Amino acid sequence: MIKPSKVKFISDELEKDFNSLKDDDFIKKAIIRAIQDLKENAFCGIQIPKKLFPKEYVQKYGIKNLWKYDLPKGWRLLYTVTAENEVELISAILEWFNHKDYERRFGY
């Protein structure tokens, strides 16, 4: 099922972190690609089972779903999908990190 969405960062601080990356940084380019993909289809990532949600995300953001988008070189982008209204979806970027930090976040 393909569902277009708006893409936002979960916080102004996270958006500033993204904007502070150099334009030629591979991770910035990869996130831009992820944003383009999420605009076309909010559900293009891999859904993470609820029992694996980091408690921090539930407490801080009250998420009801969590998705992982694989970036190059083992990096991951995590996002949640919410509805702005009955017809418009929002893909909210929560975090991106390398594989080691991803495993640490999920307690693997």
N, C-alpha and C. Protein backbone atom coordinates (compact mmCIF):
# COMPACT_ATOMS: atom_id res chain seq x y z
N MET A 1 0.84 -1.17 0.00
CA MET A 1 0.00 0.00 0.00
C MET A 1 0.89 1.24 0.00
N ILE A 2 0.74 2.08 -0.98
CA ILE A 2 1.55 3.29 -1.11
C ILE A 2 0.73 4.48 -0.62
N LYS A 3 1.27 5.15 0.39
CA LYS A 3 0.60 6.32 0.97
C LYS A 3 1.59 7.47 1.05
N PRO A 4 1.39 8.53 0.27
CA PRO A 4 2.27 9.69 0.35
C PRO A 4 2.16 10.36 1.72
N SER A 5 3.20 11.09 2.10
CA SER A 5 3.16 11.78 3.39
C SER A 5 4.00 13.05 3.33
N LYS A 6 3.72 13.94 4.27
CA LYS A 6 4.63 15.05 4.53
C LYS A 6 5.72 14.48 5.43
N VAL A 7 6.90 15.05 5.36
CA VAL A 7 7.99 14.58 6.21
C VAL A 7 8.45 15.75 7.08
N LYS A 8 8.53 15.48 8.39
CA LYS A 8 8.97 16.49 9.34
C LYS A 8 9.98 15.85 10.29
N PHE A 9 10.77 16.69 10.92
CA PHE A 9 11.64 16.22 11.99
C PHE A 9 10.85 16.33 13.28
N ILE A 10 11.07 15.42 14.22
CA ILE A 10 10.30 15.38 15.46
C ILE A 10 10.55 16.62 16.32
N SER A 11 11.71 17.27 16.12
CA SER A 11 12.01 18.47 16.91
C SER A 11 12.83 19.45 16.08
N ASP A 12 12.80 20.70 16.50
CA ASP A 12 13.62 21.72 15.84
C ASP A 12 15.10 21.40 16.00
N GLU A 13 15.46 20.84 17.15
CA GLU A 13 16.86 20.50 17.42
C GLU A 13 17.36 19.45 16.42
N LEU A 14 16.52 18.44 16.16
CA LEU A 14 16.91 17.40 15.20
C LEU A 14 17.04 17.98 13.80
N GLU A 15 16.14 18.88 13.44
CA GLU A 15 16.22 19.53 12.13
C GLU A 15 17.50 20.36 12.02
N LYS A 16 17.87 21.04 13.11
CA LYS A 16 19.12 21.81 13.11
C LYS A 16 20.32 20.88 12.94
N ASP A 17 20.29 19.73 13.62
CA ASP A 17 21.36 18.74 13.47
C ASP A 17 21.50 18.32 12.01
N PHE A 18 20.36 18.07 11.36
CA PHE A 18 20.37 17.67 9.95
C PHE A 18 20.95 18.80 9.09
N ASN A 19 20.46 20.02 9.32
CA ASN A 19 20.91 21.16 8.51
C ASN A 19 22.38 21.50 8.74
N SER A 20 22.93 21.11 9.87
CA SER A 20 24.34 21.40 10.16
C SER A 20 25.28 20.41 9.47
N LEU A 21 24.74 19.31 8.95
CA LEU A 21 25.59 18.36 8.22
C LEU A 21 26.07 19.01 6.93
N LYS A 22 27.29 18.72 6.55
CA LYS A 22 27.83 19.25 5.29
C LYS A 22 27.06 18.64 4.11
N ASP A 23 26.89 19.44 3.06
CA ASP A 23 26.12 18.99 1.90
C ASP A 23 26.72 17.75 1.23
N ASP A 24 28.04 17.59 1.33
CA ASP A 24 28.66 16.43 0.68
C ASP A 24 28.79 15.23 1.63
N ASP A 25 28.26 15.34 2.83
CA ASP A 25 28.28 14.23 3.80
C ASP A 25 27.36 13.12 3.29
N PHE A 26 27.86 11.89 3.25
CA PHE A 26 27.06 10.79 2.72
C PHE A 26 25.77 10.59 3.51
N ILE A 27 25.82 10.86 4.82
CA ILE A 27 24.63 10.63 5.63
C ILE A 27 23.56 11.68 5.32
N LYS A 28 23.96 12.90 5.03
CA LYS A 28 22.99 13.93 4.65
C LYS A 28 22.34 13.56 3.33
N LYS A 29 23.15 13.13 2.38
CA LYS A 29 22.60 12.71 1.09
C LYS A 29 21.64 11.53 1.26
N ALA A 30 21.99 10.60 2.13
CA ALA A 30 21.15 9.43 2.37
C ALA A 30 19.83 9.82 3.04
N ILE A 31 19.89 10.77 3.97
CA ILE A 31 18.66 11.23 4.63
C ILE A 31 17.77 11.97 3.64
N ILE A 32 18.37 12.75 2.77
CA ILE A 32 17.58 13.45 1.74
C ILE A 32 16.86 12.42 0.87
N ARG A 33 17.56 11.37 0.51
CA ARG A 33 16.94 10.28 -0.28
C ARG A 33 15.80 9.63 0.51
N ALA A 34 16.03 9.39 1.79
CA ALA A 34 14.99 8.79 2.64
C ALA A 34 13.77 9.70 2.70
N ILE A 35 13.99 11.00 2.83
CA ILE A 35 12.88 11.96 2.88
C ILE A 35 12.08 11.90 1.59
N GLN A 36 12.77 11.84 0.46
CA GLN A 36 12.08 11.73 -0.83
C GLN A 36 11.23 10.46 -0.89
N ASP A 37 11.82 9.34 -0.44
CA ASP A 37 11.08 8.08 -0.44
C ASP A 37 9.87 8.13 0.48
N LEU A 38 10.03 8.73 1.67
CA LEU A 38 8.91 8.83 2.63
C LEU A 38 7.80 9.74 2.11
N LYS A 39 8.18 10.78 1.35
CA LYS A 39 7.15 11.64 0.76
C LYS A 39 6.29 10.85 -0.22
N GLU A 40 6.92 9.92 -0.93
CA GLU A 40 6.19 9.09 -1.89
C GLU A 40 5.40 7.99 -1.20
N ASN A 41 5.97 7.43 -0.12
CA ASN A 41 5.31 6.31 0.57
C ASN A 41 5.75 6.28 2.04
N ALA A 42 4.84 6.67 2.92
CA ALA A 42 5.14 6.70 4.35
C ALA A 42 5.54 5.33 4.89
N PHE A 43 5.11 4.28 4.22
CA PHE A 43 5.33 2.92 4.73
C PHE A 43 6.42 2.17 3.97
N CYS A 44 7.40 2.91 3.43
CA CYS A 44 8.46 2.27 2.65
C CYS A 44 9.53 1.62 3.54
N GLY A 45 9.52 1.93 4.82
CA GLY A 45 10.49 1.34 5.73
C GLY A 45 10.04 -0.02 6.24
N ILE A 46 10.71 -0.50 7.26
CA ILE A 46 10.40 -1.79 7.88
C ILE A 46 9.76 -1.49 9.23
N GLN A 47 8.56 -2.02 9.45
CA GLN A 47 7.87 -1.76 10.70
C GLN A 47 8.51 -2.53 11.85
N ILE A 48 8.71 -1.85 12.95
CA ILE A 48 9.31 -2.46 14.14
C ILE A 48 8.19 -2.89 15.08
N PRO A 49 8.22 -4.13 15.56
CA PRO A 49 7.17 -4.60 16.47
C PRO A 49 7.11 -3.76 17.75
N LYS A 50 5.90 -3.53 18.24
CA LYS A 50 5.65 -2.68 19.40
C LYS A 50 6.48 -3.11 20.62
N LYS A 51 6.65 -4.41 20.81
CA LYS A 51 7.39 -4.89 21.99
C LYS A 51 8.87 -4.48 21.95
N LEU A 52 9.37 -4.07 20.78
CA LEU A 52 10.77 -3.66 20.65
C LEU A 52 10.97 -2.14 20.73
N PHE A 53 9.86 -1.37 20.84
CA PHE A 53 9.99 0.08 20.89
C PHE A 53 10.88 0.49 22.07
N PRO A 54 11.86 1.35 21.84
CA PRO A 54 12.60 1.91 22.98
C PRO A 54 11.64 2.72 23.87
N LYS A 55 11.68 2.48 25.16
CA LYS A 55 10.78 3.18 26.09
C LYS A 55 10.89 4.69 25.95
N GLU A 56 12.10 5.16 25.67
CA GLU A 56 12.33 6.60 25.53
C GLU A 56 11.41 7.21 24.47
N TYR A 57 11.23 6.53 23.35
CA TYR A 57 10.37 7.06 22.28
C TYR A 57 8.91 7.13 22.72
N VAL A 58 8.47 6.11 23.43
CA VAL A 58 7.08 6.07 23.88
C VAL A 58 6.85 7.18 24.91
N GLN A 59 7.77 7.33 25.86
CA GLN A 59 7.62 8.34 26.91
C GLN A 59 7.75 9.76 26.35
N LYS A 60 8.73 9.96 25.51
CA LYS A 60 9.03 11.31 25.02
C LYS A 60 8.06 11.78 23.93
N TYR A 61 7.70 10.87 23.03
CA TYR A 61 6.91 11.26 21.86
C TYR A 61 5.51 10.63 21.81
N GLY A 62 5.26 9.64 22.66
CA GLY A 62 3.96 8.97 22.65
C GLY A 62 3.69 8.22 21.35
N ILE A 63 4.73 7.63 20.77
CA ILE A 63 4.57 6.96 19.47
C ILE A 63 3.65 5.75 19.57
N LYS A 64 2.95 5.49 18.47
CA LYS A 64 2.06 4.32 18.37
C LYS A 64 2.59 3.32 17.34
N ASN A 65 3.56 3.76 16.52
CA ASN A 65 4.18 2.89 15.53
C ASN A 65 5.61 3.37 15.32
N LEU A 66 6.45 2.48 14.84
CA LEU A 66 7.85 2.81 14.63
C LEU A 66 8.34 2.09 13.39
N TRP A 67 9.05 2.83 12.58
CA TRP A 67 9.56 2.31 11.31
C TRP A 67 11.05 2.56 11.21
N LYS A 68 11.73 1.64 10.54
CA LYS A 68 13.18 1.75 10.31
C LYS A 68 13.40 1.86 8.81
N TYR A 69 14.22 2.81 8.42
CA TYR A 69 14.63 2.97 7.03
C TYR A 69 16.13 2.74 7.00
N ASP A 70 16.57 1.76 6.23
CA ASP A 70 18.00 1.44 6.15
C ASP A 70 18.72 2.45 5.26
N LEU A 71 19.76 3.05 5.83
CA LEU A 71 20.61 3.98 5.10
C LEU A 71 21.91 3.25 4.74
N PRO A 72 22.73 3.81 3.85
CA PRO A 72 23.99 3.16 3.47
C PRO A 72 24.94 2.99 4.66
N LYS A 73 25.87 2.08 4.51
CA LYS A 73 26.96 1.82 5.46
C LYS A 73 26.44 1.44 6.85
N GLY A 74 25.31 0.76 6.90
CA GLY A 74 24.78 0.27 8.17
C GLY A 74 24.06 1.30 9.02
N TRP A 75 23.88 2.51 8.52
CA TRP A 75 23.16 3.53 9.28
C TRP A 75 21.66 3.26 9.21
N ARG A 76 20.93 3.76 10.19
CA ARG A 76 19.48 3.59 10.26
C ARG A 76 18.81 4.93 10.53
N LEU A 77 17.62 5.09 9.97
CA LEU A 77 16.78 6.25 10.26
C LEU A 77 15.49 5.70 10.85
N LEU A 78 15.07 6.25 11.98
CA LEU A 78 13.83 5.80 12.62
C LEU A 78 12.78 6.89 12.50
N TYR A 79 11.55 6.48 12.22
CA TYR A 79 10.47 7.45 12.07
C TYR A 79 9.16 6.84 12.52
N THR A 80 8.19 7.69 12.76
CA THR A 80 6.85 7.26 13.11
C THR A 80 5.89 7.93 12.14
N VAL A 81 4.76 7.30 11.91
CA VAL A 81 3.76 7.84 10.98
C VAL A 81 2.53 8.24 11.79
N THR A 82 2.12 9.49 11.60
CA THR A 82 0.92 9.99 12.27
C THR A 82 0.02 10.65 11.23
N ALA A 83 -1.20 10.91 11.61
CA ALA A 83 -2.14 11.57 10.70
C ALA A 83 -2.32 13.02 11.14
N GLU A 84 -2.09 13.93 10.19
CA GLU A 84 -2.32 15.35 10.49
C GLU A 84 -3.83 15.60 10.51
N ASN A 85 -4.50 14.93 9.61
CA ASN A 85 -5.97 14.95 9.56
C ASN A 85 -6.39 13.64 8.91
N GLU A 86 -7.62 13.52 8.52
CA GLU A 86 -8.10 12.23 8.00
C GLU A 86 -7.48 11.83 6.67
N VAL A 87 -6.93 12.78 5.93
CA VAL A 87 -6.39 12.43 4.62
C VAL A 87 -4.89 12.63 4.47
N GLU A 88 -4.25 13.27 5.45
CA GLU A 88 -2.84 13.60 5.28
C GLU A 88 -1.98 12.93 6.34
N LEU A 89 -0.99 12.18 5.89
CA LEU A 89 -0.06 11.51 6.80
C LEU A 89 1.20 12.34 6.99
N ILE A 90 1.79 12.17 8.18
CA ILE A 90 3.07 12.81 8.49
C ILE A 90 4.06 11.70 8.85
N SER A 91 5.20 11.70 8.20
CA SER A 91 6.30 10.83 8.61
C SER A 91 7.24 11.71 9.44
N ALA A 92 7.32 11.41 10.73
CA ALA A 92 8.14 12.22 11.64
C ALA A 92 9.45 11.50 11.93
N ILE A 93 10.54 12.10 11.50
CA ILE A 93 11.86 11.51 11.72
C ILE A 93 12.24 11.70 13.19
N LEU A 94 12.57 10.57 13.84
CA LEU A 94 12.92 10.58 15.26
C LEU A 94 14.42 10.66 15.49
N GLU A 95 15.17 9.94 14.65
CA GLU A 95 16.60 9.80 14.92
C GLU A 95 17.26 9.08 13.75
N TRP A 96 18.55 9.29 13.60
CA TRP A 96 19.36 8.46 12.70
C TRP A 96 20.67 8.18 13.41
N PHE A 97 21.21 7.02 13.14
CA PHE A 97 22.46 6.64 13.79
C PHE A 97 23.09 5.46 13.09
N ASN A 98 24.37 5.21 13.45
CA ASN A 98 25.08 4.08 12.85
C ASN A 98 24.58 2.78 13.48
N HIS A 99 25.02 1.68 12.93
CA HIS A 99 24.50 0.38 13.35
C HIS A 99 24.80 0.09 14.83
N LYS A 100 25.98 0.45 15.27
CA LYS A 100 26.37 0.19 16.66
C LYS A 100 25.44 0.94 17.63
N ASP A 101 25.18 2.22 17.35
CA ASP A 101 24.29 3.00 18.21
C ASP A 101 22.84 2.52 18.10
N TYR A 102 22.46 2.04 16.91
CA TYR A 102 21.13 1.47 16.72
C TYR A 102 20.96 0.24 17.62
N GLU A 103 21.94 -0.64 17.60
CA GLU A 103 21.87 -1.84 18.44
C GLU A 103 21.83 -1.47 19.92
N ARG A 104 22.59 -0.46 20.31
CA ARG A 104 22.59 -0.01 21.69
C ARG A 104 21.21 0.52 22.09
N ARG A 105 20.59 1.32 21.21
CA ARG A 105 19.28 1.90 21.47
C ARG A 105 18.23 0.80 21.70
N PHE A 106 18.34 -0.28 20.93
CA PHE A 106 17.36 -1.36 21.01
C PHE A 106 17.77 -2.48 21.95
N GLY A 107 18.94 -2.33 22.57
CA GLY A 107 19.40 -3.32 23.54
C GLY A 107 19.75 -4.67 22.96
N TYR A 108 20.25 -4.68 21.72
CA TYR A 108 20.65 -5.95 21.09
C TYR A 108 22.02 -6.38 21.59
